[in-house]
C-alpha atoms as a PDB file:
ATOM      1  CA  MET A   1      36.828  -3.669 -39.760  1.00  0.00           C
ATOM      2  CA  ILE A   2      37.176  -6.298 -36.428  1.00  0.00           C
ATOM      3  CA  LYS A   3      33.360  -7.244 -35.443  1.00  0.00           C
ATOM      4  CA  ARG A   4      33.175  -7.535 -31.766  1.00  0.00           C
ATOM      5  CA  LYS A   5      31.251 -10.935 -30.718  1.00  0.00           C
ATOM      6  CA  ILE A   6      27.877  -9.768 -29.055  1.00  0.00           C
ATOM      7  CA  ARG A   7      27.284 -11.599 -25.567  1.00  0.00           C
ATOM      8  CA  SER A   8      24.310 -13.678 -24.801  1.00  0.00           C
ATOM      9  CA  ARG A   9      21.702 -11.293 -23.273  1.00  0.00           C
ATOM     10  CA  THR A  10      23.128  -8.261 -24.843  1.00  0.00           C
ATOM     11  CA  VAL A  11      20.233  -5.716 -25.953  1.00  0.00           C
ATOM     12  CA  ARG A  12      20.390  -2.886 -28.004  1.00  0.00           C
ATOM     13  CA  ALA A  13      18.019  -0.060 -28.227  1.00  0.00           C
ATOM     14  CA  PHE A  14      18.379   1.056 -32.065  1.00  0.00           C
ATOM     15  CA  LEU A  15      18.026   4.857 -30.990  1.00  0.00           C
ATOM     16  CA  TYR A  16      20.855   6.714 -33.092  1.00  0.00           C
ATOM     17  CA  SER A  17      22.105   7.366 -36.484  1.00  0.00           C
ATOM     18  CA  GLY A  18      25.826   8.549 -36.235  1.00  0.00           C
ATOM     19  CA  ARG A  19      26.867   7.560 -32.903  1.00  0.00           C
ATOM     20  CA  PRO A  20      26.806   4.222 -31.336  1.00  0.00           C
ATOM     21  CA  ASP A  21      23.003   3.011 -29.640  1.00  0.00           C
ATOM     22  CA  PRO A  22      22.979   2.338 -25.865  1.00  0.00           C
ATOM     23  CA  GLN A  23      23.208  -1.442 -25.035  1.00  0.00           C
ATOM     24  CA  TRP A  24      23.174  -3.272 -21.560  1.00  0.00           C
ATOM     25  CA  ARG A  25      22.967  -6.877 -20.585  1.00  0.00           C
ATOM     26  CA  LEU A  26      20.300  -8.673 -18.750  1.00  0.00           C
ATOM     27  CA  SER A  27      20.316 -10.225 -15.501  1.00  0.00           C
ATOM     28  CA  ASN A  28      19.876 -14.580 -15.781  1.00  0.00           C
ATOM     29  CA  GLU A  29      16.234 -13.613 -14.117  1.00  0.00           C
ATOM     30  CA  GLN A  30      15.376 -10.714 -17.075  1.00  0.00           C
ATOM     31  CA  MET A  31      16.576 -13.540 -19.529  1.00  0.00           C
ATOM     32  CA  LYS A  32      13.992 -15.816 -18.065  1.00  0.00           C
ATOM     33  CA  SER A  33      11.139 -13.313 -17.504  1.00  0.00           C
ATOM     34  CA  TRP A  34      11.702 -12.779 -21.695  1.00  0.00           C
ATOM     35  CA  LYS A  35      11.853 -16.276 -22.025  1.00  0.00           C
ATOM     36  CA  GLN A  36       8.632 -16.923 -20.405  1.00  0.00           C
ATOM     37  CA  GLN A  37       6.731 -13.902 -22.125  1.00  0.00           C
ATOM     38  CA  TRP A  38       7.842 -14.963 -25.598  1.00  0.00           C
ATOM     39  CA  GLU A  39       6.600 -18.728 -25.503  1.00  0.00           C
ATOM     40  CA  ALA A  40       3.474 -17.213 -24.042  1.00  0.00           C
ATOM     41  CA  ALA A  41       2.875 -14.775 -26.988  1.00  0.00           C
ATOM     42  CA  PRO A  42       0.875 -15.477 -29.710  1.00  0.00           C
ATOM     43  CA  LEU A  43       2.091 -16.490 -33.437  1.00  0.00           C
ATOM     44  CA  SER A  44       2.223 -14.236 -35.777  1.00  0.00           C
ATOM     45  CA  ASP A  45       2.610 -14.291 -39.597  1.00  0.00           C
ATOM     46  CA  GLU A  46       4.325 -10.989 -39.699  1.00  0.00           C
ATOM     47  CA  GLU A  47       7.851 -10.331 -39.400  1.00  0.00           C
ATOM     48  CA  VAL A  48       9.064  -7.147 -37.943  1.00  0.00           C
ATOM     49  CA  LYS A  49       9.805  -4.405 -40.157  1.00  0.00           C
ATOM     50  CA  ARG A  50      11.935  -1.725 -38.955  1.00  0.00           C
ATOM     51  CA  PRO A  51      11.138   1.581 -40.634  1.00  0.00           C
ATOM     52  CA  SER A  52      14.139   3.716 -42.319  1.00  0.00           C
ATOM     53  CA  ILE A  53      13.363   6.776 -40.119  1.00  0.00           C
ATOM     54  CA  LEU A  54      15.750   8.788 -37.388  1.00  0.00           C
ATOM     55  CA  GLY A  55      14.919   8.010 -33.901  1.00  0.00           C
ATOM     56  CA  TYR A  56      14.074   4.950 -32.191  1.00  0.00           C
ATOM     57  CA  THR A  57      13.522   1.905 -34.829  1.00  0.00           C
ATOM     58  CA  GLY A  58      13.146  -1.028 -32.328  1.00  0.00           C
ATOM     59  CA  CYS A  59      15.121  -3.445 -29.926  1.00  0.00           C
ATOM     60  CA  PHE A  60      17.710  -6.495 -30.447  1.00  0.00           C
ATOM     61  CA  LEU A  61      18.182  -9.378 -27.970  1.00  0.00           C
ATOM     62  CA  GLN A  62      21.077 -11.432 -27.959  1.00  0.00           C
ATOM     63  CA  ASN A  63      20.108 -15.210 -27.507  1.00  0.00           C
ATOM     64  CA  GLU A  64      23.178 -17.123 -28.402  1.00  0.00           C
ATOM     65  CA  GLU A  65      25.875 -16.457 -30.948  1.00  0.00           C
ATOM     66  CA  HIS A  66      23.481 -17.111 -33.821  1.00  0.00           C
ATOM     67  CA  SER A  67      20.326 -16.455 -32.632  1.00  0.00           C
ATOM     68  CA  TYR A  68      18.406 -13.191 -31.404  1.00  0.00           C
ATOM     69  CA  TRP A  69      15.435 -11.315 -31.058  1.00  0.00           C
ATOM     70  CA  ILE A  70      14.175  -8.073 -32.972  1.00  0.00           C
ATOM     71  CA  ILE A  71      11.393  -6.554 -31.419  1.00  0.00           C
ATOM     72  CA  TYR A  72       9.309  -3.279 -32.809  1.00  0.00           C
ATOM     73  CA  ASN A  73       5.703  -2.166 -33.302  1.00  0.00           C
ATOM     74  CA  GLY A  74       3.854  -5.063 -32.034  1.00  0.00           C
ATOM     75  CA  CYS A  75       5.565  -8.092 -33.181  1.00  0.00           C
ATOM     76  CA  VAL A  76       8.829 -10.039 -32.119  1.00  0.00           C
ATOM     77  CA  SER A  77      11.055 -11.827 -34.200  1.00  0.00           C
ATOM     78  CA  PHE A  78      13.254 -14.522 -33.628  1.00  0.00           C
ATOM     79  CA  TYR A  79      15.744 -15.307 -36.021  1.00  0.00           C
ATOM     80  CA  ASP A  80      18.617 -18.139 -35.634  1.00  0.00           C
ATOM     81  CA  SER A  81      20.671 -19.922 -38.563  1.00  0.00           C
ATOM     82  CA  LYS A  82      17.533 -21.272 -40.560  1.00  0.00           C
ATOM     83  CA  THR A  83      14.469 -20.250 -39.497  1.00  0.00           C
ATOM     84  CA  VAL A  84      12.334 -16.886 -38.046  1.00  0.00           C
ATOM     85  CA  ILE A  85       9.382 -17.295 -35.683  1.00  0.00           C
ATOM     86  CA  SER A  86       7.276 -14.027 -35.374  1.00  0.00           C
ATOM     87  CA  LYS A  87       5.048 -13.224 -32.696  1.00  0.00           C
ATOM     88  CA  ARG A  88       2.320 -10.430 -32.059  1.00  0.00           C
ATOM     89  CA  ASP A  89       3.544  -8.237 -28.998  1.00  0.00           C
ATOM     90  CA  ASP A  90       0.302  -7.092 -27.524  1.00  0.00           C
ATOM     91  CA  ASN A  91       0.165  -3.457 -26.641  1.00  0.00           C
ATOM     92  CA  ARG A  92       3.708  -3.803 -26.863  1.00  0.00           C
ATOM     93  CA  GLN A  93       4.121  -5.222 -23.427  1.00  0.00           C
ATOM     94  CA  MET A  94       7.171  -6.918 -23.961  1.00  0.00           C
ATOM     95  CA  GLU A  95       9.453  -4.255 -26.046  1.00  0.00           C
ATOM     96  CA  LEU A  96       8.367  -1.847 -23.113  1.00  0.00           C
ATOM     97  CA  TRP A  97       9.337  -4.409 -20.274  1.00  0.00           C
ATOM     98  CA  LEU A  98      12.477  -5.005 -22.410  1.00  0.00           C
ATOM     99  CA  LEU A  99      13.383  -1.242 -22.711  1.00  0.00           C
ATOM    100  CA  ASN A 100      12.638  -0.898 -19.566  1.00  0.00           C
ATOM    101  CA  THR A 101      15.596  -2.891 -17.920  1.00  0.00           C
ATOM    102  CA  GLY A 102      17.690  -0.541 -20.054  1.00  0.00           C
ATOM    103  CA  PRO A 103      19.849   2.539 -18.401  1.00  0.00           C
ATOM    104  CA  ASP A 104      17.924   5.921 -17.621  1.00  0.00           C
ATOM    105  CA  GLU A 105      18.587   7.233 -20.897  1.00  0.00           C
ATOM    106  CA  VAL A 106      16.480   4.622 -22.346  1.00  0.00           C
ATOM    107  CA  SER A 107      13.971   3.674 -20.229  1.00  0.00           C
ATOM    108  CA  LYS A 108      13.033   7.206 -19.701  1.00  0.00           C
ATOM    109  CA  LEU A 109      12.136   7.525 -23.383  1.00  0.00           C
ATOM    110  CA  PHE A 110       9.300   5.319 -22.703  1.00  0.00           C
END
């Protein structure tokens, strides 16, 4: 199996089982806004836990080749090669903001 390299600023909504999840790229301005939201969010001791269910289970944002965020249900975790930093996403504001940058098939669900 050949894995494609995921480009920075790529967002993926974990929506489907058995068909490709929607993906899109953030603009430079959107990425800047995301990083500002991330910096302002309060730290959390909880790492994102994605449930093993059908339907929406969070979203993913690629930062650089070996670093990314996973966002779901009030928690945002940033992963790089050796660390995980988690923050609270009060009222799911960051998650909903990110989803609303997506195509209609995603944003209309939220």
